[in-house]
Amino acid sequence: MNPPEPPQGFFLSVNMKALDEPDAARSRTPEILSGFPETTAVFSTPGIYKYTVVVSLIAKSSCGGVKADTILNGEVLIDVKP
């Protein structure tokens, strides 16, 4: 992000969703702690995982609603070795 911090009154939302994962991992969901500037994912089953990552800039509007703009929407491959 440029600048590296969200503007005052804004915050970032980071979401990860599995698109593909090893068959053996389907019963053991990875532990994902999303956040900014760092998101942590802990996998217990080796294999190649494919995730979509969506980062949104969030602001509360003056009328009690929320405004969101997606600033990143991409896919990532994660290779977990035994």
N, C-alpha and C. Protein backbone atom coordinates (compact mmCIF):
# COMPACT_ATOMS: atom_id res chain seq x y z
N MET A 1 0.84 -1.17 0.00
CA MET A 1 0.00 0.00 0.00
C MET A 1 0.88 1.24 0.00
N ASN A 2 0.43 2.28 -0.65
CA ASN A 2 1.16 3.53 -0.65
C ASN A 2 0.21 4.66 -0.31
N PRO A 3 0.27 5.27 0.84
CA PRO A 3 1.24 5.05 1.91
C PRO A 3 1.01 3.72 2.62
N PRO A 4 2.00 3.27 3.42
CA PRO A 4 1.90 1.94 4.03
C PRO A 4 0.85 1.79 5.12
N GLU A 5 0.25 2.86 5.57
CA GLU A 5 -0.79 2.82 6.59
C GLU A 5 -2.09 3.37 6.03
N PRO A 6 -3.24 2.83 6.46
CA PRO A 6 -4.52 3.39 6.00
C PRO A 6 -4.69 4.82 6.53
N PRO A 7 -5.40 5.66 5.79
CA PRO A 7 -5.65 7.03 6.27
C PRO A 7 -6.46 7.01 7.57
N GLN A 8 -6.40 8.10 8.32
CA GLN A 8 -7.15 8.20 9.57
C GLN A 8 -8.64 8.01 9.28
N GLY A 9 -9.31 7.19 10.11
CA GLY A 9 -10.74 6.93 9.94
C GLY A 9 -11.03 5.74 9.04
N PHE A 10 -10.00 5.13 8.46
CA PHE A 10 -10.16 3.97 7.58
C PHE A 10 -9.48 2.77 8.23
N PHE A 11 -9.89 1.57 7.85
CA PHE A 11 -9.17 0.37 8.24
C PHE A 11 -9.25 -0.61 7.09
N LEU A 12 -8.41 -1.65 7.16
CA LEU A 12 -8.35 -2.65 6.09
C LEU A 12 -8.97 -3.95 6.54
N SER A 13 -9.64 -4.59 5.63
CA SER A 13 -10.21 -5.91 5.84
C SER A 13 -9.49 -6.88 4.90
N VAL A 14 -8.99 -7.99 5.46
CA VAL A 14 -8.28 -8.99 4.67
C VAL A 14 -9.06 -10.29 4.78
N ASN A 15 -9.47 -10.84 3.64
CA ASN A 15 -10.21 -12.10 3.61
C ASN A 15 -9.50 -13.10 2.72
N MET A 16 -9.41 -14.34 3.19
CA MET A 16 -8.83 -15.43 2.40
C MET A 16 -9.87 -16.54 2.27
N LYS A 17 -10.01 -17.06 1.04
CA LYS A 17 -10.96 -18.13 0.79
C LYS A 17 -10.27 -19.21 -0.03
N ALA A 18 -10.41 -20.48 0.41
CA ALA A 18 -9.79 -21.60 -0.29
C ALA A 18 -10.48 -21.83 -1.63
N LEU A 19 -9.67 -21.92 -2.69
CA LEU A 19 -10.18 -22.28 -4.01
C LEU A 19 -9.87 -23.74 -4.31
N ASP A 20 -8.71 -24.20 -3.82
CA ASP A 20 -8.30 -25.59 -4.02
C ASP A 20 -7.34 -25.97 -2.92
N GLU A 21 -7.46 -27.20 -2.44
CA GLU A 21 -6.59 -27.69 -1.39
C GLU A 21 -6.44 -29.19 -1.52
N PRO A 22 -5.38 -29.78 -0.94
CA PRO A 22 -5.21 -31.23 -1.02
C PRO A 22 -6.40 -31.96 -0.40
N ASP A 23 -6.75 -33.11 -0.96
CA ASP A 23 -7.88 -33.89 -0.44
C ASP A 23 -7.74 -34.18 1.05
N ALA A 24 -6.52 -34.50 1.49
CA ALA A 24 -6.28 -34.84 2.89
C ALA A 24 -6.52 -33.65 3.82
N ALA A 25 -6.50 -32.45 3.29
CA ALA A 25 -6.65 -31.25 4.12
C ALA A 25 -8.10 -30.82 4.27
N ARG A 26 -9.00 -31.42 3.53
CA ARG A 26 -10.40 -30.95 3.54
C ARG A 26 -11.06 -31.09 4.91
N SER A 27 -10.60 -32.02 5.73
CA SER A 27 -11.20 -32.18 7.06
C SER A 27 -10.46 -31.37 8.13
N ARG A 28 -9.34 -30.75 7.76
CA ARG A 28 -8.55 -29.97 8.72
C ARG A 28 -8.37 -28.55 8.18
N THR A 29 -9.24 -27.67 8.56
CA THR A 29 -9.21 -26.30 8.08
C THR A 29 -7.98 -25.58 8.62
N PRO A 30 -7.24 -24.87 7.76
CA PRO A 30 -6.09 -24.10 8.25
C PRO A 30 -6.54 -23.00 9.21
N GLU A 31 -5.66 -22.64 10.13
CA GLU A 31 -5.93 -21.53 11.04
C GLU A 31 -5.47 -20.25 10.35
N ILE A 32 -6.38 -19.34 10.10
CA ILE A 32 -6.04 -18.09 9.42
C ILE A 32 -6.39 -16.93 10.34
N LEU A 33 -5.37 -16.12 10.62
CA LEU A 33 -5.56 -14.92 11.40
C LEU A 33 -5.29 -13.75 10.46
N SER A 34 -6.37 -13.19 9.92
CA SER A 34 -6.19 -12.12 8.94
C SER A 34 -5.99 -10.80 9.63
N GLY A 35 -5.18 -9.97 9.01
CA GLY A 35 -4.90 -8.66 9.56
C GLY A 35 -4.00 -7.88 8.63
N PHE A 36 -3.73 -6.66 9.00
CA PHE A 36 -2.85 -5.82 8.20
C PHE A 36 -1.86 -5.16 9.14
N PRO A 37 -0.60 -5.16 8.83
CA PRO A 37 0.03 -5.47 7.55
C PRO A 37 0.42 -6.94 7.38
N GLU A 38 0.00 -7.81 8.31
CA GLU A 38 0.40 -9.20 8.22
C GLU A 38 -0.80 -10.11 8.44
N THR A 39 -0.91 -11.14 7.62
CA THR A 39 -1.91 -12.19 7.79
C THR A 39 -1.16 -13.49 7.99
N THR A 40 -1.57 -14.28 8.98
CA THR A 40 -0.89 -15.53 9.30
C THR A 40 -1.81 -16.70 8.99
N ALA A 41 -1.26 -17.71 8.30
CA ALA A 41 -2.01 -18.94 8.01
C ALA A 41 -1.16 -20.12 8.46
N VAL A 42 -1.76 -21.02 9.25
CA VAL A 42 -1.06 -22.20 9.75
C VAL A 42 -1.74 -23.43 9.16
N PHE A 43 -0.95 -24.21 8.40
CA PHE A 43 -1.46 -25.40 7.73
C PHE A 43 -0.89 -26.63 8.41
N SER A 44 -1.73 -27.65 8.66
CA SER A 44 -1.27 -28.87 9.31
C SER A 44 -1.09 -30.02 8.32
N THR A 45 -1.55 -29.85 7.09
CA THR A 45 -1.45 -30.90 6.08
C THR A 45 -0.60 -30.40 4.91
N PRO A 46 0.46 -31.14 4.55
CA PRO A 46 1.29 -30.74 3.42
C PRO A 46 0.50 -30.76 2.10
N GLY A 47 0.96 -29.98 1.16
CA GLY A 47 0.34 -29.96 -0.17
C GLY A 47 0.30 -28.55 -0.73
N ILE A 48 -0.31 -28.43 -1.89
CA ILE A 48 -0.42 -27.13 -2.55
C ILE A 48 -1.85 -26.62 -2.38
N TYR A 49 -1.95 -25.41 -1.86
CA TYR A 49 -3.22 -24.76 -1.60
C TYR A 49 -3.35 -23.57 -2.53
N LYS A 50 -4.55 -23.31 -2.99
CA LYS A 50 -4.82 -22.14 -3.81
C LYS A 50 -5.89 -21.32 -3.11
N TYR A 51 -5.57 -20.06 -2.82
CA TYR A 51 -6.48 -19.17 -2.10
C TYR A 51 -6.71 -17.90 -2.91
N THR A 52 -7.88 -17.34 -2.75
CA THR A 52 -8.12 -15.98 -3.22
C THR A 52 -7.98 -15.07 -2.01
N VAL A 53 -7.35 -13.92 -2.22
CA VAL A 53 -7.13 -12.95 -1.16
C VAL A 53 -7.77 -11.63 -1.59
N VAL A 54 -8.64 -11.10 -0.75
CA VAL A 54 -9.32 -9.84 -1.03
C VAL A 54 -9.01 -8.87 0.11
N VAL A 55 -8.45 -7.72 -0.25
CA VAL A 55 -8.15 -6.67 0.72
C VAL A 55 -9.02 -5.48 0.38
N SER A 56 -9.77 -5.00 1.37
CA SER A 56 -10.68 -3.87 1.16
C SER A 56 -10.35 -2.75 2.12
N LEU A 57 -10.48 -1.52 1.64
CA LEU A 57 -10.33 -0.33 2.46
C LEU A 57 -11.73 0.05 2.94
N ILE A 58 -11.92 0.11 4.25
CA ILE A 58 -13.23 0.31 4.85
C ILE A 58 -13.28 1.66 5.57
N ALA A 59 -14.42 2.35 5.43
CA ALA A 59 -14.65 3.60 6.16
C ALA A 59 -16.10 3.65 6.58
N LYS A 60 -16.33 4.17 7.77
CA LYS A 60 -17.71 4.38 8.22
C LYS A 60 -18.20 5.69 7.62
N SER A 61 -19.40 5.65 7.09
CA SER A 61 -19.96 6.88 6.54
C SER A 61 -20.64 7.67 7.66
N SER A 62 -20.94 8.92 7.39
CA SER A 62 -21.53 9.79 8.41
C SER A 62 -22.95 9.39 8.77
N CYS A 63 -23.61 8.62 7.92
CA CYS A 63 -25.00 8.23 8.20
C CYS A 63 -25.10 6.82 8.79
N GLY A 64 -24.00 6.30 9.33
CA GLY A 64 -24.05 5.02 10.02
C GLY A 64 -23.79 3.82 9.13
N GLY A 65 -23.58 4.03 7.86
CA GLY A 65 -23.27 2.92 6.95
C GLY A 65 -21.78 2.69 6.85
N VAL A 66 -21.41 1.84 5.90
CA VAL A 66 -20.00 1.52 5.68
C VAL A 66 -19.72 1.61 4.18
N LYS A 67 -18.58 2.21 3.85
CA LYS A 67 -18.12 2.25 2.46
C LYS A 67 -16.91 1.34 2.35
N ALA A 68 -16.83 0.57 1.27
CA ALA A 68 -15.70 -0.33 1.08
C ALA A 68 -15.23 -0.27 -0.37
N ASP A 69 -13.92 -0.20 -0.54
CA ASP A 69 -13.29 -0.26 -1.85
C ASP A 69 -12.29 -1.39 -1.84
N THR A 70 -12.37 -2.29 -2.82
CA THR A 70 -11.42 -3.38 -2.94
C THR A 70 -10.13 -2.82 -3.52
N ILE A 71 -9.01 -3.05 -2.80
CA ILE A 71 -7.73 -2.56 -3.30
C ILE A 71 -6.82 -3.71 -3.75
N LEU A 72 -7.19 -4.95 -3.44
CA LEU A 72 -6.47 -6.13 -3.92
C LEU A 72 -7.45 -7.28 -4.02
N ASN A 73 -7.44 -7.96 -5.15
CA ASN A 73 -8.25 -9.16 -5.34
C ASN A 73 -7.42 -10.08 -6.21
N GLY A 74 -6.79 -11.06 -5.59
CA GLY A 74 -5.88 -11.93 -6.34
C GLY A 74 -5.84 -13.32 -5.77
N GLU A 75 -5.11 -14.17 -6.49
CA GLU A 75 -4.95 -15.56 -6.06
C GLU A 75 -3.50 -15.80 -5.65
N VAL A 76 -3.33 -16.70 -4.68
CA VAL A 76 -2.00 -17.05 -4.20
C VAL A 76 -1.92 -18.57 -4.09
N LEU A 77 -0.77 -19.12 -4.47
CA LEU A 77 -0.48 -20.55 -4.29
C LEU A 77 0.43 -20.69 -3.08
N ILE A 78 0.09 -21.62 -2.19
CA ILE A 78 0.87 -21.86 -0.99
C ILE A 78 1.30 -23.31 -1.01
N ASP A 79 2.62 -23.55 -1.02
CA ASP A 79 3.18 -24.90 -1.06
C ASP A 79 3.66 -25.25 0.35
N VAL A 80 2.94 -26.15 1.03
CA VAL A 80 3.27 -26.55 2.40
C VAL A 80 4.05 -27.85 2.33
N LYS A 81 5.29 -27.80 2.80
CA LYS A 81 6.17 -28.96 2.78
C LYS A 81 6.04 -29.73 4.10
N PRO A 82 6.22 -31.07 4.04
CA PRO A 82 6.14 -31.86 5.28
C PRO A 82 7.28 -31.56 6.23
